[in-house]
C-alpha atoms as a PDB file:
ATOM      1  CA  MET A   1     123.872  88.039  32.823  1.00  0.00           C
ATOM      2  CA  LYS A   2     120.369  87.214  34.071  1.00  0.00           C
ATOM      3  CA  ASN A   3     117.555  86.576  31.618  1.00  0.00           C
ATOM      4  CA  ILE A   4     113.987  87.578  32.502  1.00  0.00           C
ATOM      5  CA  LEU A   5     110.940  87.139  30.302  1.00  0.00           C
ATOM      6  CA  VAL A   6     108.491  90.050  30.615  1.00  0.00           C
ATOM      7  CA  VAL A   7     104.971  89.385  29.342  1.00  0.00           C
ATOM      8  CA  PHE A   8     102.877  92.500  28.765  1.00  0.00           C
ATOM      9  CA  THR A   9      99.091  92.050  28.823  1.00  0.00           C
ATOM     10  CA  GLY A  10      97.771  95.585  29.315  1.00  0.00           C
ATOM     11  CA  GLY A  11      95.944  96.704  32.442  1.00  0.00           C
ATOM     12  CA  THR A  12      96.520  99.947  34.313  1.00  0.00           C
ATOM     13  CA  ILE A  13     100.252  99.286  34.424  1.00  0.00           C
ATOM     14  CA  GLY A  14     100.248  99.360  30.618  1.00  0.00           C
ATOM     15  CA  SER A  15      97.830 102.294  30.274  1.00  0.00           C
ATOM     16  CA  ILE A  16      97.871 106.055  29.989  1.00  0.00           C
ATOM     17  CA  ALA A  17      95.405 108.627  31.296  1.00  0.00           C
ATOM     18  CA  HIS A  18      94.334 111.098  28.628  1.00  0.00           C
ATOM     19  CA  GLU A  19      91.488 113.617  28.876  1.00  0.00           C
ATOM     20  CA  GLY A  20      89.888 111.797  31.772  1.00  0.00           C
ATOM     21  CA  THR A  21      90.054 108.298  30.259  1.00  0.00           C
ATOM     22  CA  ILE A  22      92.452 105.492  31.201  1.00  0.00           C
ATOM     23  CA  LYS A  23      93.178 103.062  28.381  1.00  0.00           C
ATOM     24  CA  PRO A  24      96.027 100.791  27.234  1.00  0.00           C
ATOM     25  CA  GLY A  25      98.791 102.659  25.430  1.00  0.00           C
ATOM     26  CA  GLU A  26     101.152 101.351  22.808  1.00  0.00           C
ATOM     27  CA  GLU A  27     104.304 102.644  24.504  1.00  0.00           C
ATOM     28  CA  ALA A  28     103.132 102.512  28.125  1.00  0.00           C
ATOM     29  CA  PRO A  29     104.379  98.970  28.854  1.00  0.00           C
ATOM     30  CA  PHE A  30     107.934  99.869  27.863  1.00  0.00           C
ATOM     31  CA  GLN A  31     107.872 102.875  30.200  1.00  0.00           C
ATOM     32  CA  LEU A  32     108.019 100.330  33.013  1.00  0.00           C
ATOM     33  CA  LEU A  33     111.352  98.973  31.813  1.00  0.00           C
ATOM     34  CA  ALA A  34     112.688 102.467  31.139  1.00  0.00           C
ATOM     35  CA  GLU A  35     111.915 103.607  34.687  1.00  0.00           C
ATOM     36  CA  TYR A  36     113.459 100.462  36.132  1.00  0.00           C
ATOM     37  CA  ARG A  37     116.672 101.018  34.160  1.00  0.00           C
ATOM     38  CA  GLN A  38     116.853 104.645  35.316  1.00  0.00           C
ATOM     39  CA  ARG A  39     116.535 103.678  38.966  1.00  0.00           C
ATOM     40  CA  HIS A  40     118.761 100.589  39.114  1.00  0.00           C
ATOM     41  CA  ALA A  41     122.413 100.390  38.252  1.00  0.00           C
ATOM     42  CA  ASN A  42     122.289  96.599  38.000  1.00  0.00           C
ATOM     43  CA  ALA A  43     119.818  96.834  35.106  1.00  0.00           C
ATOM     44  CA  GLU A  44     122.719  96.411  32.679  1.00  0.00           C
ATOM     45  CA  ASP A  45     123.278  92.921  34.107  1.00  0.00           C
ATOM     46  CA  ILE A  46     119.739  91.833  33.191  1.00  0.00           C
ATOM     47  CA  ARG A  47     118.486  90.962  29.740  1.00  0.00           C
ATOM     48  CA  PHE A  48     114.727  91.534  29.473  1.00  0.00           C
ATOM     49  CA  LYS A  49     112.978  89.657  26.674  1.00  0.00           C
ATOM     50  CA  THR A  50     109.544  91.188  26.091  1.00  0.00           C
ATOM     51  CA  ILE A  51     106.419  89.775  24.461  1.00  0.00           C
ATOM     52  CA  GLN A  52     102.867  91.143  24.317  1.00  0.00           C
ATOM     53  CA  PRO A  53     100.292  88.422  23.569  1.00  0.00           C
ATOM     54  CA  MET A  54      97.398  90.798  24.366  1.00  0.00           C
ATOM     55  CA  ARG A  55      96.712  94.397  25.327  1.00  0.00           C
ATOM     56  CA  ILE A  56      93.471  94.696  27.260  1.00  0.00           C
ATOM     57  CA  LEU A  57      92.118  96.098  30.485  1.00  0.00           C
ATOM     58  CA  SER A  58      91.767  93.164  32.846  1.00  0.00           C
ATOM     59  CA  GLU A  59      88.042  93.677  33.442  1.00  0.00           C
ATOM     60  CA  ASN A  60      87.609  92.564  29.811  1.00  0.00           C
ATOM     61  CA  LEU A  61      89.455  89.299  30.433  1.00  0.00           C
ATOM     62  CA  ALA A  62      87.724  85.907  30.151  1.00  0.00           C
ATOM     63  CA  PRO A  63      89.165  82.395  30.682  1.00  0.00           C
ATOM     64  CA  PRO A  64      90.037  81.953  26.959  1.00  0.00           C
ATOM     65  CA  ALA A  65      92.563  84.776  27.463  1.00  0.00           C
ATOM     66  CA  TRP A  66      94.424  82.566  29.955  1.00  0.00           C
ATOM     67  CA  LYS A  67      94.865  79.979  27.210  1.00  0.00           C
ATOM     68  CA  ILE A  68      96.406  82.641  24.951  1.00  0.00           C
ATOM     69  CA  LEU A  69      98.664  83.840  27.754  1.00  0.00           C
ATOM     70  CA  ILE A  70      99.794  80.322  28.660  1.00  0.00           C
ATOM     71  CA  ALA A  71     100.522  79.475  25.016  1.00  0.00           C
ATOM     72  CA  ALA A  72     102.620  82.628  24.646  1.00  0.00           C
ATOM     73  CA  ILE A  73     104.671  81.826  27.755  1.00  0.00           C
ATOM     74  CA  GLU A  74     105.174  78.184  26.800  1.00  0.00           C
ATOM     75  CA  ALA A  75     106.286  79.188  23.285  1.00  0.00           C
ATOM     76  CA  GLU A  76     109.166  81.080  24.921  1.00  0.00           C
ATOM     77  CA  GLN A  77     110.354  77.925  26.753  1.00  0.00           C
ATOM     78  CA  PRO A  78     110.173  79.537  30.222  1.00  0.00           C
ATOM     79  CA  GLU A  79     112.714  77.126  31.747  1.00  0.00           C
ATOM     80  CA  GLN A  80     115.464  78.926  29.800  1.00  0.00           C
ATOM     81  CA  TYR A  81     114.869  82.123  31.790  1.00  0.00           C
ATOM     82  CA  ASP A  82     115.806  82.923  35.367  1.00  0.00           C
ATOM     83  CA  GLY A  83     112.249  84.098  35.916  1.00  0.00           C
ATOM     84  CA  ILE A  84     109.081  85.360  34.272  1.00  0.00           C
ATOM     85  CA  ILE A  85     107.204  88.592  34.988  1.00  0.00           C
ATOM     86  CA  VAL A  86     103.630  89.050  33.738  1.00  0.00           C
ATOM     87  CA  THR A  87     102.176  92.560  33.841  1.00  0.00           C
ATOM     88  CA  HIS A  88      98.446  92.574  34.525  1.00  0.00           C
ATOM     89  CA  GLY A  89      95.506  94.760  35.494  1.00  0.00           C
ATOM     90  CA  THR A  90      94.167  94.714  39.034  1.00  0.00           C
ATOM     91  CA  ASP A  91      90.473  93.925  38.473  1.00  0.00           C
ATOM     92  CA  THR A  92      90.953  90.232  37.663  1.00  0.00           C
ATOM     93  CA  LEU A  93      94.485  89.875  39.016  1.00  0.00           C
ATOM     94  CA  ALA A  94      93.538  87.286  41.660  1.00  0.00           C
ATOM     95  CA  TYR A  95      91.871  85.042  39.062  1.00  0.00           C
ATOM     96  CA  THR A  96      94.781  85.124  36.605  1.00  0.00           C
ATOM     97  CA  ALA A  97      97.252  84.586  39.455  1.00  0.00           C
ATOM     98  CA  ALA A  98      95.305  81.459  40.437  1.00  0.00           C
ATOM     99  CA  ALA A  99      95.069  80.262  36.827  1.00  0.00           C
ATOM    100  CA  LEU A 100      98.823  80.559  36.272  1.00  0.00           C
ATOM    101  CA  GLY A 101      99.562  79.212  39.758  1.00  0.00           C
ATOM    102  CA  PHE A 102      97.606  76.019  39.128  1.00  0.00           C
ATOM    103  CA  TYR A 103      98.626  75.496  35.515  1.00  0.00           C
ATOM    104  CA  PHE A 104     102.354  76.161  36.020  1.00  0.00           C
ATOM    105  CA  TYR A 105     102.588  74.246  39.301  1.00  0.00           C
ATOM    106  CA  ARG A 106     105.342  72.094  37.770  1.00  0.00           C
ATOM    107  CA  LEU A 107     107.441  75.041  36.507  1.00  0.00           C
ATOM    108  CA  ARG A 108     110.811  75.206  38.258  1.00  0.00           C
ATOM    109  CA  ARG A 109     111.161  78.947  37.846  1.00  0.00           C
ATOM    110  CA  PRO A 110     109.679  81.944  39.676  1.00  0.00           C
ATOM    111  CA  MET A 111     106.784  83.644  37.891  1.00  0.00           C
ATOM    112  CA  LEU A 112     105.474  86.948  39.230  1.00  0.00           C
ATOM    113  CA  LEU A 113     102.445  89.004  38.252  1.00  0.00           C
ATOM    114  CA  VAL A 114     103.000  92.746  38.498  1.00  0.00           C
ATOM    115  CA  SER A 115     100.259  95.380  38.581  1.00  0.00           C
ATOM    116  CA  SER A 116      99.852  99.072  39.304  1.00  0.00           C
ATOM    117  CA  ASP A 117      97.043 100.902  41.075  1.00  0.00           C
ATOM    118  CA  TYR A 118      97.498 103.967  38.843  1.00  0.00           C
ATOM    119  CA  PRO A 119      99.038 104.543  35.403  1.00  0.00           C
ATOM    120  CA  LEU A 120     102.801 104.818  35.781  1.00  0.00           C
ATOM    121  CA  ALA A 121     102.836 108.571  35.114  1.00  0.00           C
ATOM    122  CA  HIS A 122     100.757 109.134  38.268  1.00  0.00           C
ATOM    123  CA  ALA A 123     102.808 110.273  41.260  1.00  0.00           C
ATOM    124  CA  GLN A 124     101.251 107.650  43.569  1.00  0.00           C
ATOM    125  CA  ALA A 125     101.533 104.677  41.201  1.00  0.00           C
ATOM    126  CA  ASN A 126     103.049 101.581  42.795  1.00  0.00           C
ATOM    127  CA  GLY A 127     103.750  99.719  39.537  1.00  0.00           C
ATOM    128  CA  VAL A 128     107.502 100.377  39.359  1.00  0.00           C
ATOM    129  CA  ASP A 129     107.971  99.417  43.031  1.00  0.00           C
ATOM    130  CA  ASN A 130     106.081  96.157  42.430  1.00  0.00           C
ATOM    131  CA  PHE A 131     108.206  95.476  39.342  1.00  0.00           C
ATOM    132  CA  VAL A 132     111.420  96.133  41.284  1.00  0.00           C
ATOM    133  CA  CYS A 133     110.301  93.620  43.908  1.00  0.00           C
ATOM    134  CA  ALA A 134     109.579  91.040  41.216  1.00  0.00           C
ATOM    135  CA  VAL A 135     113.053  91.437  39.707  1.00  0.00           C
ATOM    136  CA  GLU A 136     114.717  91.237  43.134  1.00  0.00           C
ATOM    137  CA  PHE A 137     112.713  88.097  43.906  1.00  0.00           C
ATOM    138  CA  ILE A 138     114.006  86.449  40.736  1.00  0.00           C
ATOM    139  CA  LEU A 139     117.599  87.517  41.466  1.00  0.00           C
ATOM    140  CA  ASN A 140     117.718  86.723  45.182  1.00  0.00           C
ATOM    141  CA  VAL A 141     114.868  84.489  46.354  1.00  0.00           C
ATOM    142  CA  LYS A 142     114.706  82.254  43.276  1.00  0.00           C
ATOM    143  CA  GLU A 143     111.840  80.117  44.576  1.00  0.00           C
ATOM    144  CA  SER A 144     109.644  78.269  42.107  1.00  0.00           C
ATOM    145  CA  GLY A 145     105.968  79.123  41.956  1.00  0.00           C
ATOM    146  CA  VAL A 146     103.648  81.942  40.981  1.00  0.00           C
ATOM    147  CA  PHE A 147     103.696  85.045  43.192  1.00  0.00           C
ATOM    148  CA  VAL A 148     102.243  88.548  43.273  1.00  0.00           C
ATOM    149  CA  PRO A 149     104.259  91.415  44.804  1.00  0.00           C
ATOM    150  CA  TYR A 150     102.087  94.392  45.729  1.00  0.00           C
ATOM    151  CA  ARG A 151     102.528  97.531  47.835  1.00  0.00           C
ATOM    152  CA  ASN A 152      99.296  98.827  49.313  1.00  0.00           C
ATOM    153  CA  GLN A 153      98.953 102.594  49.468  1.00  0.00           C
ATOM    154  CA  ARG A 154      99.316 102.983  53.229  1.00  0.00           C
ATOM    155  CA  GLN A 155     102.066 100.408  53.621  1.00  0.00           C
ATOM    156  CA  ALA A 156     105.783 101.089  53.406  1.00  0.00           C
ATOM    157  CA  THR A 157     106.686  97.516  52.532  1.00  0.00           C
ATOM    158  CA  ILE A 158     105.640  95.288  49.653  1.00  0.00           C
ATOM    159  CA  GLN A 159     103.816  92.065  50.419  1.00  0.00           C
ATOM    160  CA  VAL A 160     104.609  89.059  48.239  1.00  0.00           C
ATOM    161  CA  HIS A 161     101.551  86.816  47.900  1.00  0.00           C
ATOM    162  CA  ARG A 162     101.239  83.282  46.635  1.00  0.00           C
ATOM    163  CA  GLY A 163      99.273  83.496  43.403  1.00  0.00           C
ATOM    164  CA  VAL A 164      96.773  80.839  44.487  1.00  0.00           C
ATOM    165  CA  ARG A 165      96.111  82.644  47.783  1.00  0.00           C
ATOM    166  CA  LEU A 166      95.553  86.177  46.508  1.00  0.00           C
ATOM    167  CA  VAL A 167      92.043  87.585  46.891  1.00  0.00           C
ATOM    168  CA  SER A 168      90.433  90.424  44.961  1.00  0.00           C
ATOM    169  CA  SER A 169      90.591  93.983  46.283  1.00  0.00           C
ATOM    170  CA  PRO A 170      87.987  94.992  48.898  1.00  0.00           C
ATOM    171  CA  GLN A 171      85.104  97.115  47.669  1.00  0.00           C
ATOM    172  CA  LEU A 172      85.969 100.735  46.839  1.00  0.00           C
ATOM    173  CA  GLY A 173      89.657 100.056  47.408  1.00  0.00           C
ATOM    174  CA  GLY A 174      92.740  99.092  45.447  1.00  0.00           C
ATOM    175  CA  ASP A 175      94.736  97.181  48.058  1.00  0.00           C
ATOM    176  CA  PHE A 176      95.477  93.455  47.868  1.00  0.00           C
ATOM    177  CA  PHE A 177      95.730  90.809  50.564  1.00  0.00           C
ATOM    178  CA  SER A 178      96.243  87.086  50.822  1.00  0.00           C
ATOM    179  CA  VAL A 179      93.407  84.946  52.133  1.00  0.00           C
ATOM    180  CA  ARG A 180      93.246  85.330  55.950  1.00  0.00           C
ATOM    181  CA  GLY A 181      95.796  88.171  55.618  1.00  0.00           C
ATOM    182  CA  GLU A 182      98.741  85.757  55.437  1.00  0.00           C
ATOM    183  CA  SER A 183     101.165  86.978  52.777  1.00  0.00           C
ATOM    184  CA  TYR A 184     104.257  84.924  51.934  1.00  0.00           C
ATOM    185  CA  LEU A 185     107.145  87.408  52.108  1.00  0.00           C
ATOM    186  CA  GLU A 186     107.721  91.075  52.863  1.00  0.00           C
ATOM    187  CA  PHE A 187     110.094  93.336  50.903  1.00  0.00           C
ATOM    188  CA  ASP A 188     111.367  96.635  52.317  1.00  0.00           C
ATOM    189  CA  GLY A 189     113.172  97.745  49.170  1.00  0.00           C
ATOM    190  CA  HIS A 190     116.438  96.059  50.099  1.00  0.00           C
ATOM    191  CA  ARG A 191     115.758  92.621  51.545  1.00  0.00           C
ATOM    192  CA  PHE A 192     113.044  90.005  51.885  1.00  0.00           C
ATOM    193  CA  SER A 193     111.792  88.729  55.219  1.00  0.00           C
ATOM    194  CA  ARG A 194     109.558  85.804  56.080  1.00  0.00           C
ATOM    195  CA  THR A 195     106.061  86.453  57.398  1.00  0.00           C
ATOM    196  CA  GLY A 196     105.603  83.057  59.013  1.00  0.00           C
ATOM    197  CA  LEU A 197     103.915  81.281  56.112  1.00  0.00           C
ATOM    198  CA  ALA A 198     105.871  78.110  55.401  1.00  0.00           C
ATOM    199  CA  PRO A 199     107.214  77.342  51.911  1.00  0.00           C
ATOM    200  CA  PHE A 200     104.985  75.001  49.969  1.00  0.00           C
ATOM    201  CA  THR A 201     106.166  71.435  49.467  1.00  0.00           C
ATOM    202  CA  ALA A 202     104.433  69.770  46.535  1.00  0.00           C
ATOM    203  CA  GLN A 203     102.687  66.460  46.995  1.00  0.00           C
ATOM    204  CA  ALA A 204     102.969  63.679  44.431  1.00  0.00           C
ATOM    205  CA  GLU A 205     102.619  65.300  41.030  1.00  0.00           C
ATOM    206  CA  LEU A 206      99.479  65.101  38.981  1.00  0.00           C
ATOM    207  CA  PRO A 207      99.634  64.415  35.256  1.00  0.00           C
ATOM    208  CA  PRO A 208     100.441  67.529  33.180  1.00  0.00           C
ATOM    209  CA  LEU A 209      97.447  69.797  32.762  1.00  0.00           C
ATOM    210  CA  LYS A 210      96.044  71.058  29.493  1.00  0.00           C
ATOM    211  CA  PRO A 211      95.279  74.792  29.333  1.00  0.00           C
ATOM    212  CA  GLU A 212      91.571  74.015  29.115  1.00  0.00           C
ATOM    213  CA  PHE A 213      89.205  76.061  31.286  1.00  0.00           C
ATOM    214  CA  SER A 214      85.599  74.910  31.262  1.00  0.00           C
ATOM    215  CA  GLY A 215      82.978  77.399  30.106  1.00  0.00           C
ATOM    216  CA  ARG A 216      80.219  75.485  31.883  1.00  0.00           C
ATOM    217  CA  ILE A 217      80.795  76.534  35.513  1.00  0.00           C
ATOM    218  CA  LEU A 218      78.273  78.967  37.009  1.00  0.00           C
ATOM    219  CA  MET A 219      79.325  81.069  40.008  1.00  0.00           C
ATOM    220  CA  LEU A 220      76.655  82.539  42.298  1.00  0.00           C
ATOM    221  CA  LYS A 221      76.888  85.034  45.120  1.00  0.00           C
ATOM    222  CA  PRO A 222      74.501  84.952  48.124  1.00  0.00           C
ATOM    223  CA  TYR A 223      72.540  88.014  49.161  1.00  0.00           C
ATOM    224  CA  PRO A 224      69.307  88.532  51.104  1.00  0.00           C
ATOM    225  CA  GLY A 225      66.462  87.781  48.707  1.00  0.00           C
ATOM    226  CA  LEU A 226      68.398  85.792  46.100  1.00  0.00           C
ATOM    227  CA  ASP A 227      65.682  84.139  43.983  1.00  0.00           C
ATOM    228  CA  TYR A 228      66.937  80.877  42.492  1.00  0.00           C
ATOM    229  CA  SER A 229      63.941  80.626  40.156  1.00  0.00           C
ATOM    230  CA  HIS A 230      65.665  83.166  37.894  1.00  0.00           C
ATOM    231  CA  ILE A 231      68.662  80.874  37.398  1.00  0.00           C
ATOM    232  CA  HIS A 232      68.679  78.534  34.414  1.00  0.00           C
ATOM    233  CA  LEU A 233      70.934  75.488  34.321  1.00  0.00           C
ATOM    234  CA  GLU A 234      71.232  74.866  30.584  1.00  0.00           C
ATOM    235  CA  ARG A 235      74.849  74.347  29.442  1.00  0.00           C
ATOM    236  CA  THR A 236      75.966  74.090  33.086  1.00  0.00           C
ATOM    237  CA  ASP A 237      78.057  71.228  34.494  1.00  0.00           C
ATOM    238  CA  ALA A 238      78.598  72.615  37.974  1.00  0.00           C
ATOM    239  CA  VAL A 239      77.638  75.527  40.209  1.00  0.00           C
ATOM    240  CA  LEU A 240      80.078  77.208  42.580  1.00  0.00           C
ATOM    241  CA  HIS A 241      78.043  78.968  45.237  1.00  0.00           C
ATOM    242  CA  ASP A 242      79.745  81.674  47.269  1.00  0.00           C
ATOM    243  CA  LEU A 243      79.070  81.787  51.019  1.00  0.00           C
ATOM    244  CA  TYR A 244      78.829  84.410  53.692  1.00  0.00           C
ATOM    245  CA  HIS A 245      81.973  84.879  55.789  1.00  0.00           C
ATOM    246  CA  SER A 246      80.926  82.217  58.303  1.00  0.00           C
ATOM    247  CA  GLY A 247      80.536  79.564  55.586  1.00  0.00           C
ATOM    248  CA  THR A 248      76.756  79.845  55.402  1.00  0.00           C
ATOM    249  CA  ALA A 249      73.909  80.601  52.995  1.00  0.00           C
ATOM    250  CA  CYS A 250      70.119  80.687  53.263  1.00  0.00           C
ATOM    251  CA  THR A 251      68.631  77.272  54.098  1.00  0.00           C
ATOM    252  CA  THR A 252      65.140  78.264  55.246  1.00  0.00           C
ATOM    253  CA  GLU A 253      61.923  78.188  53.217  1.00  0.00           C
ATOM    254  CA  ARG A 254      60.350  80.773  55.497  1.00  0.00           C
ATOM    255  CA  TRP A 255      60.476  83.413  52.741  1.00  0.00           C
ATOM    256  CA  GLY A 256      59.530  80.966  49.999  1.00  0.00           C
ATOM    257  CA  GLU A 257      61.252  77.932  48.505  1.00  0.00           C
ATOM    258  CA  ASN A 258      62.698  80.043  45.666  1.00  0.00           C
ATOM    259  CA  HIS A 259      65.048  81.610  48.228  1.00  0.00           C
ATOM    260  CA  SER A 260      66.215  78.285  49.683  1.00  0.00           C
ATOM    261  CA  LEU A 261      69.605  76.988  48.636  1.00  0.00           C
ATOM    262  CA  PRO A 262      68.685  73.346  49.542  1.00  0.00           C
ATOM    263  CA  GLU A 263      65.757  73.568  47.097  1.00  0.00           C
ATOM    264  CA  PHE A 264      68.119  74.858  44.426  1.00  0.00           C
ATOM    265  CA  ILE A 265      70.562  72.018  45.183  1.00  0.00           C
ATOM    266  CA  ALA A 266      67.705  69.550  44.649  1.00  0.00           C
ATOM    267  CA  ARG A 267      66.888  71.165  41.295  1.00  0.00           C
ATOM    268  CA  CYS A 268      70.540  71.005  40.269  1.00  0.00           C
ATOM    269  CA  ARG A 269      70.601  67.300  41.153  1.00  0.00           C
ATOM    270  CA  GLN A 270      67.659  66.708  38.825  1.00  0.00           C
ATOM    271  CA  HIS A 271      69.661  68.311  36.004  1.00  0.00           C
ATOM    272  CA  GLY A 272      72.839  66.384  36.810  1.00  0.00           C
ATOM    273  CA  VAL A 273      74.589  69.557  37.976  1.00  0.00           C
ATOM    274  CA  GLU A 274      77.014  69.299  40.906  1.00  0.00           C
ATOM    275  CA  VAL A 275      76.892  72.098  43.493  1.00  0.00           C
ATOM    276  CA  TYR A 276      80.095  73.230  45.194  1.00  0.00           C
ATOM    277  CA  LEU A 277      80.349  75.677  48.087  1.00  0.00           C
ATOM    278  CA  ALA A 278      83.201  78.020  49.063  1.00  0.00           C
ATOM    279  CA  PRO A 279      84.864  79.601  50.902  1.00  0.00           C
ATOM    280  CA  ALA A 280      84.848  77.900  54.291  1.00  0.00           C
ATOM    281  CA  LEU A 281      87.422  76.803  56.855  1.00  0.00           C
ATOM    282  CA  LYS A 282      87.070  73.220  58.012  1.00  0.00           C
ATOM    283  CA  SER A 283      86.960  73.162  61.806  1.00  0.00           C
ATOM    284  CA  THR A 284      85.399  71.210  64.665  1.00  0.00           C
ATOM    285  CA  ASP A 285      82.246  73.334  64.829  1.00  0.00           C
ATOM    286  CA  ALA A 286      80.024  74.456  61.974  1.00  0.00           C
ATOM    287  CA  TYR A 287      76.772  76.359  61.718  1.00  0.00           C
ATOM    288  CA  GLU A 288      73.569  74.356  61.488  1.00  0.00           C
ATOM    289  CA  SER A 289      72.922  75.799  58.018  1.00  0.00           C
ATOM    290  CA  THR A 290      76.347  74.666  56.768  1.00  0.00           C
ATOM    291  CA  ARG A 291      75.796  71.115  57.977  1.00  0.00           C
ATOM    292  CA  PHE A 292      72.344  71.105  56.379  1.00  0.00           C
ATOM    293  CA  LEU A 293      73.726  72.170  52.992  1.00  0.00           C
ATOM    294  CA  LEU A 294      76.281  69.360  53.089  1.00  0.00           C
ATOM    295  CA  LYS A 295      73.590  66.874  54.121  1.00  0.00           C
ATOM    296  CA  GLU A 296      71.516  67.966  51.117  1.00  0.00           C
ATOM    297  CA  GLY A 297      74.331  67.010  48.744  1.00  0.00           C
ATOM    298  CA  ALA A 298      76.485  70.093  48.200  1.00  0.00           C
ATOM    299  CA  ARG A 299      80.271  69.637  48.116  1.00  0.00           C
ATOM    300  CA  MET A 300      82.369  72.064  50.135  1.00  0.00           C
ATOM    301  CA  ILE A 301      85.687  73.237  48.720  1.00  0.00           C
ATOM    302  CA  TRP A 302      87.433  73.635  52.034  1.00  0.00           C
ATOM    303  CA  ASN A 303      90.166  76.055  53.091  1.00  0.00           C
ATOM    304  CA  MET A 304      90.524  77.915  49.802  1.00  0.00           C
ATOM    305  CA  SER A 305      89.739  81.396  48.517  1.00  0.00           C
ATOM    306  CA  MET A 306      86.723  81.851  46.258  1.00  0.00           C
ATOM    307  CA  GLU A 307      88.977  82.921  43.382  1.00  0.00           C
ATOM    308  CA  ALA A 308      91.149  79.823  43.694  1.00  0.00           C
ATOM    309  CA  ALA A 309      88.115  77.541  44.028  1.00  0.00           C
ATOM    310  CA  TYR A 310      86.526  78.977  40.880  1.00  0.00           C
ATOM    311  CA  VAL A 311      89.655  78.682  38.742  1.00  0.00           C
ATOM    312  CA  LYS A 312      90.376  75.208  40.081  1.00  0.00           C
ATOM    313  CA  LEU A 313      86.892  74.074  39.065  1.00  0.00           C
ATOM    314  CA  LEU A 314      87.368  75.518  35.573  1.00  0.00           C
ATOM    315  CA  LEU A 315      90.584  73.527  35.195  1.00  0.00           C
ATOM    316  CA  ALA A 316      89.142  70.379  36.764  1.00  0.00           C
ATOM    317  CA  TYR A 317      86.147  70.256  34.446  1.00  0.00           C
ATOM    318  CA  GLY A 318      88.265  71.347  31.485  1.00  0.00           C
ATOM    319  CA  ASN A 319      90.795  68.549  31.990  1.00  0.00           C
ATOM    320  CA  PHE A 320      88.887  65.583  33.417  1.00  0.00           C
ATOM    321  CA  ASN A 321      85.660  63.755  32.596  1.00  0.00           C
ATOM    322  CA  ASP A 322      85.741  61.184  35.376  1.00  0.00           C
ATOM    323  CA  PRO A 323      84.033  62.559  38.539  1.00  0.00           C
ATOM    324  CA  SER A 324      86.612  60.843  40.736  1.00  0.00           C
ATOM    325  CA  ARG A 325      89.466  62.568  38.860  1.00  0.00           C
ATOM    326  CA  ILE A 326      87.687  65.913  39.169  1.00  0.00           C
ATOM    327  CA  LEU A 327      87.255  65.446  42.904  1.00  0.00           C
ATOM    328  CA  GLU A 328      90.847  64.276  43.344  1.00  0.00           C
ATOM    329  CA  PHE A 329      92.149  67.413  41.623  1.00  0.00           C
ATOM    330  CA  ILE A 330      89.887  69.706  43.642  1.00  0.00           C
ATOM    331  CA  GLU A 331      90.901  68.152  46.967  1.00  0.00           C
ATOM    332  CA  ARG A 332      94.644  67.975  46.196  1.00  0.00           C
ATOM    333  CA  ASP A 333      96.800  70.848  47.441  1.00  0.00           C
ATOM    334  CA  VAL A 334      98.272  71.534  44.014  1.00  0.00           C
ATOM    335  CA  ALA A 335     100.147  74.815  44.501  1.00  0.00           C
ATOM    336  CA  GLY A 336      99.849  75.743  48.171  1.00  0.00           C
ATOM    337  CA  GLU A 337      96.265  77.008  47.931  1.00  0.00           C
ATOM    338  CA  HIS A 338      95.025  75.201  51.054  1.00  0.00           C
ATOM    339  CA  VAL A 339      94.796  77.305  54.211  1.00  0.00           C
ATOM    340  CA  GLU A 340      95.185  75.699  57.613  1.00  0.00           C
ATOM    341  CA  TRP A 341      92.885  76.474  60.533  1.00  0.00           C
ATOM    342  CA  PRO A 342      95.347  77.216  63.371  1.00  0.00           C
ATOM    343  CA  ASP A 343      93.112  77.266  66.433  1.00  0.00           C
ATOM    344  CA  GLU A 344      91.699  73.769  66.580  1.00  0.00           C
ATOM    345  CA  PRO A 345      92.033  70.429  64.779  1.00  0.00           C
ATOM    346  CA  ALA A 346      89.988  69.836  61.656  1.00  0.00           C
ATOM    347  CA  SER A 347      87.082  67.453  61.761  1.00  0.00           C
ATOM    348  CA  ASP A 348      85.808  65.081  59.121  1.00  0.00           C
ATOM    349  CA  TYR A 349      82.214  66.245  58.929  1.00  0.00           C
ATOM    350  CA  GLY A 350      80.472  66.605  55.617  1.00  0.00           C
ATOM    351  CA  ARG A 351      81.699  66.241  52.062  1.00  0.00           C
END
């Protein structure tokens, strides 16, 4: 008999559509287990223990919810199970996957987050297929770590993503991909196959983390005309500044100093606020603007998705006060979040 802990949190997979409105339903989460049992003869050999620490749509999630979720999982002593499945909405799936991936990096059990693009009653919903993949992963793959199985609408197979490498859905779409399109495994409904991404081997372990996520990290997104004069830095310890796809942001004062990121970095320095940049791949060549931002004192979080970088900063500033400890945690490959640049060797330019 296999024992699997199923943690319901709400989201589309735990919702119903009624009179044009999708909202969490009281019985909807258990429909998932009922459909699994109807479709799989081996369901009798699995004991599902269910808990529901919250029931919300994932767009309403904030970092304090991760603390509630973590506490609920730890109260169940997850090591006593063969695996853990967390149902979750799609809007903030990549952030929660990163949060659990970093926090539970020491857990020697598989944990999988399962979502659905439509409520389960919808004919095109992929939630049951994703759940089936999660169960099969626990029964047959048995690898430790946090993963996300997800079947995109125009794909026959399910991609299994590392939680710390999952990125949010593209605009106006509901598909999911790993950073750089490199998923971990592929599942065709019967067997798993490798995609070429190597298993992660942990480095020397860090001290155990507390489930503390800082509320003093500000994340900014670049766009033409971003006016930094509108941004206030009170109650802010650090800024994570998103970058364009080439690892760049505006460095010129041609349109006024209020639009210049280096000027904003200087203002942050005056307030004792560290500025981090992401995402960017570390390679031999870099744009002039990228080098200038690093010269002006920004810290690049290299080779990591924006979602992973943000969550990692929340944990770093929530757990450590010493700047050197914060930097050590950020730079350490904790759960396989670092992406390698395959075409040329990395250089050592910049911070």
